[in-house]
Every structure is written in C-alpha cells, then in structure tokens.
Amino acid sequence: MKVKKHSKIITALSIAIGISFAIGFGYYNKAVAKEQITTAVSVNGEGVKPLKPIIIDVADQGVVKKWLQPTHLITRYEIKNEGKEPLTIKVDAVNFTSNVIVESGSPGFEKPSAEYVTTLNPGKSIRLKVRVSLSDTNLIQSKQYLGMLRVLNQQNGLQLGNSSVYAINSTVQPPHEKTLATPAVQHEGHTKNE
C-alpha cells in the first residue's frame, strides 16, 4: 500500500514538472518569436542595390528572453531570387562589432559561420537566421551600428546588395534629445529672473 501511494506521488510530480516545462518552453518561444523580425529582400543577379536595413530592438524581447539570453539577438533575413536564372549566392556578415552566425533552418553539424552559401532557383527564396551576440554595454545604447550583411553572386563575385544591421533600445532616449528638454533654457536676451 505504501509503495502504491509513493508511486502516485512520483507520477503526479512528473506530470506537473512536464506540464511546467511545456508551458515554459511555449512562453519562451513566444518571447523569441516577437524578437525575430523578418527583413525580406530581392536580388536578380544584375548588380549592387541597397537593400532594406535590419533594425533589431532589444526592448522587444520577452521577460523570459531578457532573463535567459539578454545579449543574444536573432533576426530573420529572407532573400528572393527575382532573376530568370538560378543564382548561387553567398551571404557574408561584414564588419560586425560582435560575434555573428548566419544559418538556415535548425543548427546542423557544420561549424557555425558568419557566411552562408546556397543556390536559389528563379522565384524561390530562402530564410536565414542571423544570430548576434552583444555585450551588456550595447543594451543601454539607444542605437548602434552592428555590421552589414552582404549578398554576393558566388560564381562571379559580383555584389548583389547589402543590408546594414542596427541594434536599438527603444526604452533609452538618444543623448541629443535629453539636452533639448532641460528646464533652464534661456531665450535671446532673457534670463530666468525676468
């Protein structure tokens, strides 16, 4: 009888722990999904064009994400081939001020890298994940340039476009705006005592 009671307690605890993990994992995925904005760009194999900048707001992270990985940012970068021929592209992370990984799908067995090469058929697209690791000091700045994602034609080296990547913190006021709101502003020829 004692063994049966002990077994029921262990079963109930196991179920409660399992449900807690499921709820926690779902909440974490929701928090991460809000952070992961998607920037869609199109290339056609004919030469350089400026692409949309990528702006990541660190204030958009969920509570769980802020606790577990506050300095680890993820964004999606979708590239579409609008040309008439298959195009082998290379996406290269250039001049980043911190560690960056460019990947597609789930992390595999290949070594994490700051570049990604793939072939896109006409009209097809690929969604890449760009993972950036920041330092704690980056989180308190209102806007910071992180680097650039460059899209190249792998076959001939022609640059097809590039996107600048910025991290912003919408909860931090830029320095120049702080000085505009000072209460001791004096106008031409007038003092505070007038």
N, C-alpha and C. Protein backbone atom coordinates (compact mmCIF):
# COMPACT_ATOMS: atom_id res chain seq x y z
N MET A 1 0.81 -1.19 0.00
CA MET A 1 0.00 0.00 0.00
C MET A 1 0.86 1.26 0.00
N LYS A 2 1.95 1.21 0.79
CA LYS A 2 2.85 2.35 0.88
C LYS A 2 3.55 2.59 -0.46
N VAL A 3 3.91 1.52 -1.16
CA VAL A 3 4.57 1.63 -2.46
C VAL A 3 3.61 2.24 -3.48
N LYS A 4 2.35 1.88 -3.43
CA LYS A 4 1.36 2.40 -4.36
C LYS A 4 1.17 3.91 -4.16
N LYS A 5 1.13 4.37 -2.91
CA LYS A 5 0.98 5.78 -2.59
C LYS A 5 2.21 6.57 -3.05
N HIS A 6 3.39 6.00 -2.83
CA HIS A 6 4.64 6.62 -3.26
C HIS A 6 4.68 6.74 -4.79
N SER A 7 4.20 5.73 -5.48
CA SER A 7 4.17 5.71 -6.93
C SER A 7 3.24 6.80 -7.47
N LYS A 8 2.09 7.01 -6.83
CA LYS A 8 1.15 8.03 -7.27
C LYS A 8 1.74 9.44 -7.10
N ILE A 9 2.46 9.65 -6.01
CA ILE A 9 3.08 10.95 -5.76
C ILE A 9 4.14 11.24 -6.82
N ILE A 10 4.97 10.26 -7.13
CA ILE A 10 6.00 10.43 -8.16
C ILE A 10 5.36 10.70 -9.52
N THR A 11 4.29 9.99 -9.85
CA THR A 11 3.60 10.19 -11.11
C THR A 11 3.02 11.61 -11.19
N ALA A 12 2.38 12.05 -10.11
CA ALA A 12 1.79 13.40 -10.09
C ALA A 12 2.87 14.47 -10.23
N LEU A 13 4.00 14.30 -9.53
CA LEU A 13 5.11 15.25 -9.65
C LEU A 13 5.68 15.26 -11.06
N SER A 14 5.82 14.09 -11.67
CA SER A 14 6.35 14.00 -13.04
C SER A 14 5.44 14.73 -14.02
N ILE A 15 4.15 14.55 -13.87
CA ILE A 15 3.19 15.22 -14.75
C ILE A 15 3.26 16.73 -14.54
N ALA A 16 3.31 17.18 -13.29
CA ALA A 16 3.38 18.62 -13.01
C ALA A 16 4.66 19.23 -13.58
N ILE A 17 5.78 18.55 -13.44
CA ILE A 17 7.05 19.05 -13.99
C ILE A 17 6.99 19.09 -15.51
N GLY A 18 6.43 18.05 -16.13
CA GLY A 18 6.29 18.02 -17.59
C GLY A 18 5.43 19.15 -18.11
N ILE A 19 4.31 19.40 -17.45
CA ILE A 19 3.43 20.49 -17.86
C ILE A 19 4.13 21.84 -17.68
N SER A 20 4.86 21.99 -16.58
CA SER A 20 5.60 23.25 -16.34
C SER A 20 6.62 23.50 -17.44
N PHE A 21 7.36 22.46 -17.84
CA PHE A 21 8.34 22.62 -18.92
C PHE A 21 7.66 22.98 -20.23
N ALA A 22 6.52 22.34 -20.53
CA ALA A 22 5.81 22.63 -21.78
C ALA A 22 5.33 24.08 -21.81
N ILE A 23 4.76 24.54 -20.71
CA ILE A 23 4.28 25.93 -20.64
C ILE A 23 5.46 26.90 -20.73
N GLY A 24 6.53 26.61 -20.00
CA GLY A 24 7.71 27.48 -20.03
C GLY A 24 8.34 27.54 -21.41
N PHE A 25 8.44 26.40 -22.10
CA PHE A 25 9.02 26.37 -23.44
C PHE A 25 8.14 27.15 -24.42
N GLY A 26 6.82 27.00 -24.30
CA GLY A 26 5.90 27.75 -25.17
C GLY A 26 6.02 29.24 -24.95
N TYR A 27 6.12 29.66 -23.70
CA TYR A 27 6.27 31.08 -23.38
C TYR A 27 7.59 31.61 -23.90
N TYR A 28 8.67 30.82 -23.77
CA TYR A 28 9.98 31.23 -24.27
C TYR A 28 9.94 31.39 -25.79
N ASN A 29 9.33 30.42 -26.50
CA ASN A 29 9.24 30.51 -27.96
C ASN A 29 8.44 31.73 -28.39
N LYS A 30 7.38 32.05 -27.65
CA LYS A 30 6.59 33.24 -27.97
C LYS A 30 7.42 34.51 -27.79
N ALA A 31 8.20 34.55 -26.72
CA ALA A 31 9.06 35.71 -26.46
C ALA A 31 10.12 35.86 -27.54
N VAL A 32 10.71 34.76 -27.97
CA VAL A 32 11.74 34.79 -29.01
C VAL A 32 11.14 35.16 -30.36
N ALA A 33 9.94 34.65 -30.66
CA ALA A 33 9.29 34.94 -31.94
C ALA A 33 9.00 36.43 -32.09
N LYS A 34 8.64 37.10 -31.01
CA LYS A 34 8.37 38.54 -31.07
C LYS A 34 9.64 39.30 -31.43
N GLU A 35 10.76 38.84 -30.91
CA GLU A 35 12.04 39.50 -31.17
C GLU A 35 12.49 39.30 -32.62
N GLN A 36 12.15 38.16 -33.21
CA GLN A 36 12.68 37.80 -34.52
C GLN A 36 11.90 38.46 -35.65
N ILE A 37 12.27 39.69 -35.97
CA ILE A 37 11.65 40.36 -37.10
C ILE A 37 12.20 39.76 -38.39
N THR A 38 11.44 39.84 -39.46
CA THR A 38 11.89 39.33 -40.75
C THR A 38 12.11 40.50 -41.70
N THR A 39 13.27 40.54 -42.32
CA THR A 39 13.57 41.53 -43.34
C THR A 39 13.65 40.79 -44.67
N ALA A 40 12.76 41.11 -45.61
CA ALA A 40 12.73 40.44 -46.91
C ALA A 40 13.39 41.33 -47.96
N VAL A 41 14.28 40.74 -48.74
CA VAL A 41 14.97 41.46 -49.80
C VAL A 41 14.92 40.64 -51.08
N SER A 42 15.07 41.30 -52.22
CA SER A 42 15.07 40.62 -53.51
C SER A 42 16.36 40.92 -54.26
N VAL A 43 16.89 39.91 -54.94
CA VAL A 43 18.08 40.08 -55.78
C VAL A 43 17.78 39.51 -57.15
N ASN A 44 18.50 39.98 -58.17
CA ASN A 44 18.26 39.48 -59.52
C ASN A 44 19.53 39.10 -60.26
N GLY A 45 20.66 39.17 -59.63
CA GLY A 45 21.91 38.77 -60.27
C GLY A 45 22.53 39.83 -61.15
N GLU A 46 21.98 41.04 -61.20
CA GLU A 46 22.46 42.06 -62.13
C GLU A 46 23.33 43.13 -61.50
N GLY A 47 23.55 43.12 -60.22
CA GLY A 47 24.45 44.11 -59.64
C GLY A 47 23.96 44.66 -58.31
N VAL A 48 24.74 45.59 -57.81
CA VAL A 48 24.53 46.13 -56.47
C VAL A 48 23.28 46.98 -56.39
N LYS A 49 22.54 46.76 -55.33
CA LYS A 49 21.47 47.68 -54.99
C LYS A 49 21.36 47.71 -53.47
N PRO A 50 21.02 48.87 -52.91
CA PRO A 50 20.87 48.92 -51.45
C PRO A 50 19.63 48.13 -51.05
N LEU A 51 19.76 47.33 -50.02
CA LEU A 51 18.65 46.54 -49.53
C LEU A 51 18.16 47.14 -48.22
N LYS A 52 17.04 46.66 -47.74
CA LYS A 52 16.46 47.19 -46.50
C LYS A 52 17.41 46.99 -45.33
N PRO A 53 17.52 48.00 -44.46
CA PRO A 53 18.32 47.80 -43.25
C PRO A 53 17.58 46.88 -42.28
N ILE A 54 18.33 46.23 -41.43
CA ILE A 54 17.76 45.37 -40.40
C ILE A 54 17.90 46.11 -39.07
N ILE A 55 16.78 46.33 -38.41
CA ILE A 55 16.79 47.05 -37.13
C ILE A 55 16.21 46.12 -36.07
N ILE A 56 17.04 45.78 -35.08
CA ILE A 56 16.64 44.88 -34.01
C ILE A 56 16.47 45.70 -32.73
N ASP A 57 15.27 45.67 -32.16
CA ASP A 57 15.01 46.41 -30.92
C ASP A 57 15.16 45.47 -29.73
N VAL A 58 16.17 45.70 -28.90
CA VAL A 58 16.41 44.84 -27.74
C VAL A 58 15.30 44.97 -26.70
N ALA A 59 14.52 46.05 -26.75
CA ALA A 59 13.41 46.23 -25.81
C ALA A 59 12.23 45.33 -26.16
N ASP A 60 12.19 44.77 -27.37
CA ASP A 60 11.09 43.88 -27.77
C ASP A 60 11.23 42.46 -27.25
N GLN A 61 12.29 42.17 -26.53
CA GLN A 61 12.46 40.83 -26.00
C GLN A 61 11.45 40.58 -24.89
N GLY A 62 10.97 39.35 -24.81
CA GLY A 62 10.07 38.98 -23.73
C GLY A 62 10.82 38.87 -22.41
N VAL A 63 10.08 38.78 -21.32
CA VAL A 63 10.67 38.73 -19.98
C VAL A 63 11.60 37.53 -19.83
N VAL A 64 11.14 36.36 -20.26
CA VAL A 64 11.96 35.15 -20.12
C VAL A 64 13.24 35.28 -20.93
N LYS A 65 13.13 35.83 -22.15
CA LYS A 65 14.31 36.01 -23.01
C LYS A 65 15.28 37.00 -22.37
N LYS A 66 14.78 38.04 -21.75
CA LYS A 66 15.65 39.02 -21.08
C LYS A 66 16.40 38.38 -19.92
N TRP A 67 15.77 37.44 -19.23
CA TRP A 67 16.43 36.76 -18.12
C TRP A 67 17.47 35.77 -18.60
N LEU A 68 17.11 34.97 -19.62
CA LEU A 68 17.99 33.87 -20.04
C LEU A 68 19.07 34.28 -21.03
N GLN A 69 18.73 35.09 -22.02
CA GLN A 69 19.68 35.46 -23.07
C GLN A 69 19.53 36.93 -23.47
N PRO A 70 19.78 37.85 -22.58
CA PRO A 70 19.53 39.26 -22.92
C PRO A 70 20.45 39.80 -24.01
N THR A 71 21.63 39.24 -24.16
CA THR A 71 22.59 39.78 -25.14
C THR A 71 22.62 38.97 -26.43
N HIS A 72 21.75 38.00 -26.57
CA HIS A 72 21.72 37.14 -27.76
C HIS A 72 20.51 37.54 -28.61
N LEU A 73 20.75 38.14 -29.77
CA LEU A 73 19.67 38.61 -30.64
C LEU A 73 19.58 37.74 -31.88
N ILE A 74 18.35 37.52 -32.36
CA ILE A 74 18.13 36.72 -33.56
C ILE A 74 17.19 37.50 -34.47
N THR A 75 17.51 37.54 -35.76
CA THR A 75 16.61 38.14 -36.74
C THR A 75 16.57 37.23 -37.96
N ARG A 76 15.52 37.35 -38.73
CA ARG A 76 15.39 36.55 -39.96
C ARG A 76 15.70 37.45 -41.15
N TYR A 77 16.37 36.88 -42.13
CA TYR A 77 16.75 37.61 -43.34
C TYR A 77 16.32 36.76 -44.52
N GLU A 78 15.27 37.18 -45.22
CA GLU A 78 14.72 36.40 -46.33
C GLU A 78 15.18 36.99 -47.65
N ILE A 79 15.75 36.15 -48.50
CA ILE A 79 16.29 36.59 -49.79
C ILE A 79 15.55 35.86 -50.90
N LYS A 80 15.05 36.61 -51.89
CA LYS A 80 14.32 36.03 -53.01
C LYS A 80 15.06 36.31 -54.31
N ASN A 81 15.15 35.30 -55.17
CA ASN A 81 15.77 35.45 -56.49
C ASN A 81 14.68 35.87 -57.47
N GLU A 82 14.73 37.13 -57.92
CA GLU A 82 13.77 37.63 -58.89
C GLU A 82 14.30 37.57 -60.32
N GLY A 83 15.46 36.95 -60.50
CA GLY A 83 16.03 36.81 -61.83
C GLY A 83 15.40 35.65 -62.59
N LYS A 84 15.90 35.42 -63.82
CA LYS A 84 15.37 34.36 -64.67
C LYS A 84 16.23 33.10 -64.65
N GLU A 85 17.38 33.17 -63.98
CA GLU A 85 18.32 32.05 -63.92
C GLU A 85 18.56 31.66 -62.46
N PRO A 86 18.93 30.39 -62.23
CA PRO A 86 19.35 30.00 -60.87
C PRO A 86 20.55 30.85 -60.45
N LEU A 87 20.62 31.17 -59.19
CA LEU A 87 21.64 32.08 -58.68
C LEU A 87 22.26 31.49 -57.43
N THR A 88 23.58 31.29 -57.47
CA THR A 88 24.29 30.83 -56.27
C THR A 88 24.74 32.07 -55.52
N ILE A 89 24.20 32.23 -54.33
CA ILE A 89 24.51 33.43 -53.55
C ILE A 89 25.32 33.08 -52.32
N LYS A 90 26.06 34.07 -51.87
CA LYS A 90 26.81 33.98 -50.62
C LYS A 90 26.38 35.17 -49.77
N VAL A 91 25.90 34.89 -48.57
CA VAL A 91 25.56 35.95 -47.63
C VAL A 91 26.69 36.00 -46.62
N ASP A 92 27.29 37.17 -46.52
CA ASP A 92 28.51 37.35 -45.73
C ASP A 92 28.28 38.45 -44.69
N ALA A 93 28.55 38.15 -43.42
CA ALA A 93 28.46 39.15 -42.35
C ALA A 93 29.79 39.90 -42.30
N VAL A 94 29.74 41.20 -42.57
CA VAL A 94 30.95 42.01 -42.70
C VAL A 94 30.98 43.11 -41.64
N ASN A 95 32.17 43.36 -41.09
CA ASN A 95 32.42 44.46 -40.15
C ASN A 95 31.53 44.45 -38.92
N PHE A 96 31.13 43.28 -38.47
CA PHE A 96 30.30 43.22 -37.26
C PHE A 96 31.15 43.53 -36.05
N THR A 97 30.56 44.24 -35.10
CA THR A 97 31.27 44.64 -33.89
C THR A 97 31.22 43.55 -32.82
N SER A 98 30.49 42.47 -33.10
CA SER A 98 30.37 41.37 -32.15
C SER A 98 30.25 40.06 -32.92
N ASN A 99 30.17 38.94 -32.21
CA ASN A 99 30.06 37.63 -32.85
C ASN A 99 28.74 37.52 -33.59
N VAL A 100 28.79 36.91 -34.79
CA VAL A 100 27.58 36.74 -35.60
C VAL A 100 27.63 35.37 -36.28
N ILE A 101 26.46 34.73 -36.39
CA ILE A 101 26.32 33.45 -37.08
C ILE A 101 25.18 33.59 -38.07
N VAL A 102 25.40 33.15 -39.32
CA VAL A 102 24.37 33.15 -40.34
C VAL A 102 24.06 31.69 -40.65
N GLU A 103 22.78 31.30 -40.55
CA GLU A 103 22.41 29.90 -40.76
C GLU A 103 21.01 29.81 -41.34
N SER A 104 20.68 28.63 -41.86
CA SER A 104 19.34 28.37 -42.37
C SER A 104 18.81 27.12 -41.70
N GLY A 105 17.57 27.16 -41.25
CA GLY A 105 16.98 26.00 -40.59
C GLY A 105 17.58 25.77 -39.22
N SER A 106 17.44 24.55 -38.75
CA SER A 106 17.99 24.19 -37.45
C SER A 106 19.50 24.06 -37.54
N PRO A 107 20.20 24.41 -36.46
CA PRO A 107 21.65 24.24 -36.48
C PRO A 107 22.02 22.79 -36.77
N GLY A 108 22.92 22.58 -37.70
CA GLY A 108 23.33 21.23 -38.08
C GLY A 108 24.70 20.89 -37.56
N PHE A 109 25.37 20.01 -38.28
CA PHE A 109 26.69 19.56 -37.86
C PHE A 109 27.81 20.44 -38.38
N GLU A 110 27.51 21.32 -39.35
CA GLU A 110 28.55 22.19 -39.86
C GLU A 110 28.91 23.25 -38.83
N LYS A 111 30.14 23.73 -38.93
CA LYS A 111 30.66 24.72 -37.99
C LYS A 111 29.90 26.04 -38.17
N PRO A 112 29.45 26.68 -37.08
CA PRO A 112 28.79 27.99 -37.20
C PRO A 112 29.70 28.98 -37.91
N SER A 113 29.11 29.79 -38.79
CA SER A 113 29.91 30.67 -39.62
C SER A 113 29.22 32.02 -39.81
N ALA A 114 30.00 33.01 -40.19
CA ALA A 114 29.47 34.34 -40.50
C ALA A 114 29.13 34.47 -41.98
N GLU A 115 29.12 33.34 -42.70
CA GLU A 115 28.71 33.37 -44.11
C GLU A 115 27.87 32.13 -44.41
N TYR A 116 27.05 32.25 -45.47
CA TYR A 116 26.17 31.15 -45.87
C TYR A 116 26.09 31.16 -47.39
N VAL A 117 26.23 29.98 -48.01
CA VAL A 117 26.18 29.85 -49.46
C VAL A 117 25.05 28.90 -49.84
N THR A 118 24.25 29.29 -50.84
CA THR A 118 23.17 28.44 -51.33
C THR A 118 22.83 28.82 -52.76
N THR A 119 22.11 27.95 -53.46
CA THR A 119 21.63 28.23 -54.81
C THR A 119 20.13 28.46 -54.75
N LEU A 120 19.70 29.58 -55.34
CA LEU A 120 18.28 29.91 -55.39
C LEU A 120 17.79 29.81 -56.83
N ASN A 121 16.74 29.03 -57.05
CA ASN A 121 16.11 28.97 -58.36
C ASN A 121 15.27 30.22 -58.57
N PRO A 122 14.95 30.57 -59.83
CA PRO A 122 14.15 31.77 -60.10
C PRO A 122 12.82 31.73 -59.33
N GLY A 123 12.48 32.83 -58.69
CA GLY A 123 11.24 32.94 -57.95
C GLY A 123 11.26 32.32 -56.56
N LYS A 124 12.33 31.64 -56.23
CA LYS A 124 12.43 30.98 -54.92
C LYS A 124 13.14 31.88 -53.92
N SER A 125 12.93 31.58 -52.65
CA SER A 125 13.58 32.37 -51.60
C SER A 125 14.09 31.46 -50.50
N ILE A 126 14.94 32.03 -49.67
CA ILE A 126 15.47 31.32 -48.52
C ILE A 126 15.40 32.25 -47.32
N ARG A 127 15.08 31.67 -46.17
CA ARG A 127 15.03 32.45 -44.93
C ARG A 127 16.21 32.04 -44.07
N LEU A 128 17.04 33.02 -43.77
CA LEU A 128 18.22 32.79 -42.94
C LEU A 128 17.98 33.35 -41.54
N LYS A 129 18.64 32.75 -40.57
CA LYS A 129 18.65 33.31 -39.22
C LYS A 129 20.00 33.94 -39.01
N VAL A 130 19.99 35.15 -38.49
CA VAL A 130 21.22 35.85 -38.17
C VAL A 130 21.24 35.99 -36.65
N ARG A 131 22.24 35.36 -36.01
CA ARG A 131 22.37 35.40 -34.56
C ARG A 131 23.53 36.32 -34.19
N VAL A 132 23.24 37.31 -33.36
CA VAL A 132 24.25 38.29 -32.96
C VAL A 132 24.38 38.26 -31.44
N SER A 133 25.61 38.20 -30.96
CA SER A 133 25.88 38.26 -29.52
C SER A 133 26.44 39.63 -29.18
N LEU A 134 25.76 40.34 -28.30
CA LEU A 134 26.17 41.69 -27.91
C LEU A 134 26.81 41.66 -26.53
N SER A 135 27.49 42.73 -26.20
CA SER A 135 27.98 42.88 -24.82
C SER A 135 26.90 43.62 -24.03
N ASP A 136 26.99 43.60 -22.72
CA ASP A 136 26.00 44.28 -21.88
C ASP A 136 25.95 45.78 -22.14
N THR A 137 27.07 46.38 -22.52
CA THR A 137 27.09 47.82 -22.77
C THR A 137 26.27 48.18 -24.01
N ASN A 138 26.13 47.24 -24.96
CA ASN A 138 25.33 47.51 -26.15
C ASN A 138 23.85 47.64 -25.83
N LEU A 139 23.41 47.05 -24.73
CA LEU A 139 21.99 47.04 -24.40
C LEU A 139 21.50 48.38 -23.86
N ILE A 140 22.40 49.24 -23.43
CA ILE A 140 21.98 50.52 -22.86
C ILE A 140 22.13 51.69 -23.83
N GLN A 141 22.55 51.41 -25.06
CA GLN A 141 22.67 52.46 -26.07
C GLN A 141 21.37 52.56 -26.84
N SER A 142 21.01 53.78 -27.26
CA SER A 142 19.75 53.96 -27.97
C SER A 142 19.81 53.39 -29.38
N LYS A 143 20.93 53.54 -30.08
CA LYS A 143 21.08 52.97 -31.43
C LYS A 143 22.55 52.69 -31.67
N GLN A 144 22.81 51.52 -32.26
CA GLN A 144 24.19 51.16 -32.54
C GLN A 144 24.28 50.38 -33.85
N TYR A 145 25.23 50.76 -34.68
CA TYR A 145 25.52 50.02 -35.91
C TYR A 145 26.27 48.75 -35.52
N LEU A 146 25.76 47.58 -35.98
CA LEU A 146 26.40 46.31 -35.65
C LEU A 146 27.29 45.78 -36.77
N GLY A 147 26.89 46.02 -38.02
CA GLY A 147 27.65 45.49 -39.15
C GLY A 147 26.78 45.48 -40.39
N MET A 148 27.19 44.68 -41.38
CA MET A 148 26.47 44.64 -42.65
C MET A 148 26.36 43.21 -43.15
N LEU A 149 25.20 42.86 -43.71
CA LEU A 149 25.03 41.60 -44.41
C LEU A 149 25.17 41.89 -45.89
N ARG A 150 26.14 41.25 -46.52
CA ARG A 150 26.43 41.48 -47.93
C ARG A 150 25.99 40.24 -48.72
N VAL A 151 25.25 40.45 -49.81
CA VAL A 151 24.80 39.36 -50.67
C VAL A 151 25.63 39.41 -51.95
N LEU A 152 26.34 38.30 -52.23
CA LEU A 152 27.23 38.22 -53.39
C LEU A 152 26.79 37.12 -54.33
N ASN A 153 27.07 37.29 -55.63
CA ASN A 153 26.93 36.21 -56.60
C ASN A 153 28.17 35.33 -56.42
N GLN A 154 28.00 34.13 -55.94
CA GLN A 154 29.13 33.25 -55.61
C GLN A 154 29.95 32.89 -56.86
N GLN A 155 29.31 32.83 -58.03
CA GLN A 155 30.01 32.40 -59.24
C GLN A 155 30.97 33.45 -59.78
N ASN A 156 30.59 34.73 -59.73
CA ASN A 156 31.47 35.75 -60.31
C ASN A 156 31.92 36.82 -59.30
N GLY A 157 31.49 36.72 -58.05
CA GLY A 157 31.91 37.67 -57.02
C GLY A 157 31.19 39.00 -57.05
N LEU A 158 30.24 39.18 -57.97
CA LEU A 158 29.50 40.44 -58.09
C LEU A 158 28.65 40.67 -56.84
N GLN A 159 28.74 41.87 -56.28
CA GLN A 159 27.93 42.20 -55.11
C GLN A 159 26.52 42.51 -55.57
N LEU A 160 25.53 41.80 -55.00
CA LEU A 160 24.13 41.98 -55.39
C LEU A 160 23.40 42.97 -54.50
N GLY A 161 23.89 43.18 -53.31
CA GLY A 161 23.25 44.11 -52.39
C GLY A 161 23.80 43.95 -50.99
N ASN A 162 23.40 44.86 -50.13
CA ASN A 162 23.82 44.77 -48.74
C ASN A 162 22.78 45.41 -47.84
N SER A 163 22.71 44.92 -46.61
CA SER A 163 21.80 45.45 -45.60
C SER A 163 22.59 45.79 -44.35
N SER A 164 22.48 47.03 -43.91
CA SER A 164 23.09 47.43 -42.65
C SER A 164 22.26 46.87 -41.50
N VAL A 165 22.94 46.47 -40.42
CA VAL A 165 22.26 45.89 -39.26
C VAL A 165 22.49 46.81 -38.07
N TYR A 166 21.38 47.19 -37.42
CA TYR A 166 21.43 48.08 -36.26
C TYR A 166 20.72 47.43 -35.08
N ALA A 167 21.22 47.70 -33.89
CA ALA A 167 20.52 47.34 -32.66
C ALA A 167 20.05 48.63 -32.03
N ILE A 168 18.78 48.69 -31.67
CA ILE A 168 18.26 49.86 -30.98
C ILE A 168 17.67 49.41 -29.65
N ASN A 169 17.53 50.34 -28.75
CA ASN A 169 16.82 50.09 -27.50
C ASN A 169 15.81 51.21 -27.37
N SER A 170 14.56 50.91 -27.69
CA SER A 170 13.52 51.94 -27.73
C SER A 170 13.19 52.50 -26.35
N THR A 171 13.70 51.88 -25.29
CA THR A 171 13.45 52.41 -23.94
C THR A 171 14.51 53.42 -23.51
N VAL A 172 15.56 53.58 -24.31
CA VAL A 172 16.64 54.53 -23.99
C VAL A 172 16.50 55.74 -24.91
N GLN A 173 16.49 56.92 -24.32
CA GLN A 173 16.38 58.15 -25.09
C GLN A 173 17.75 58.52 -25.66
N PRO A 174 17.81 58.86 -26.96
CA PRO A 174 19.09 59.29 -27.53
C PRO A 174 19.66 60.49 -26.78
N PRO A 175 20.99 60.61 -26.69
CA PRO A 175 21.62 61.69 -25.92
C PRO A 175 21.22 63.09 -26.35
N HIS A 176 21.09 63.35 -27.66
CA HIS A 176 20.77 64.71 -28.10
C HIS A 176 19.36 65.14 -27.69
N GLU A 177 18.44 64.21 -27.50
CA GLU A 177 17.09 64.56 -27.08
C GLU A 177 17.05 64.92 -25.60
N LYS A 178 17.95 64.38 -24.80
CA LYS A 178 17.97 64.69 -23.38
C LYS A 178 18.32 66.16 -23.15
N THR A 179 19.21 66.71 -23.95
CA THR A 179 19.64 68.09 -23.75
C THR A 179 18.58 69.08 -24.22
N LEU A 180 17.71 68.69 -25.12
CA LEU A 180 16.68 69.61 -25.61
C LEU A 180 15.60 69.88 -24.56
N ALA A 181 15.42 68.99 -23.62
CA ALA A 181 14.33 69.12 -22.66
C ALA A 181 14.79 69.67 -21.31
N THR A 182 15.90 70.39 -21.27
CA THR A 182 16.37 70.93 -19.99
C THR A 182 15.50 72.10 -19.58
N PRO A 183 15.16 72.23 -18.28
CA PRO A 183 14.26 73.29 -17.83
C PRO A 183 14.88 74.67 -17.82
N ALA A 184 16.18 74.79 -17.84
CA ALA A 184 16.83 76.10 -17.73
C ALA A 184 17.14 76.71 -19.09
N VAL A 185 16.30 76.46 -20.07
CA VAL A 185 16.52 77.04 -21.39
C VAL A 185 16.25 78.53 -21.32
N GLN A 186 17.20 79.32 -21.80
CA GLN A 186 17.05 80.77 -21.80
C GLN A 186 16.96 81.24 -23.23
N HIS A 187 16.05 82.16 -23.47
CA HIS A 187 15.87 82.68 -24.81
C HIS A 187 16.64 83.98 -24.98
N GLU A 188 16.81 84.37 -26.17
CA GLU A 188 17.59 85.54 -26.57
C GLU A 188 17.34 86.76 -25.68
N GLY A 189 18.35 87.12 -24.88
CA GLY A 189 18.28 88.32 -24.06
C GLY A 189 17.46 88.19 -22.79
N HIS A 190 16.85 87.05 -22.55
CA HIS A 190 16.02 86.88 -21.36
C HIS A 190 16.73 85.98 -20.36
N THR A 191 16.56 86.29 -19.10
CA THR A 191 17.11 85.43 -18.05
C THR A 191 15.96 84.79 -17.30
N LYS A 192 16.29 83.87 -16.42
CA LYS A 192 15.26 83.17 -15.65
C LYS A 192 14.50 84.11 -14.72
N ASN A 193 15.12 85.20 -14.28
CA ASN A 193 14.50 86.08 -13.29
C ASN A 193 13.54 87.09 -13.90
N GLU A 194 13.49 87.22 -15.20
CA GLU A 194 12.64 88.24 -15.83
C GLU A 194 11.19 87.85 -15.81
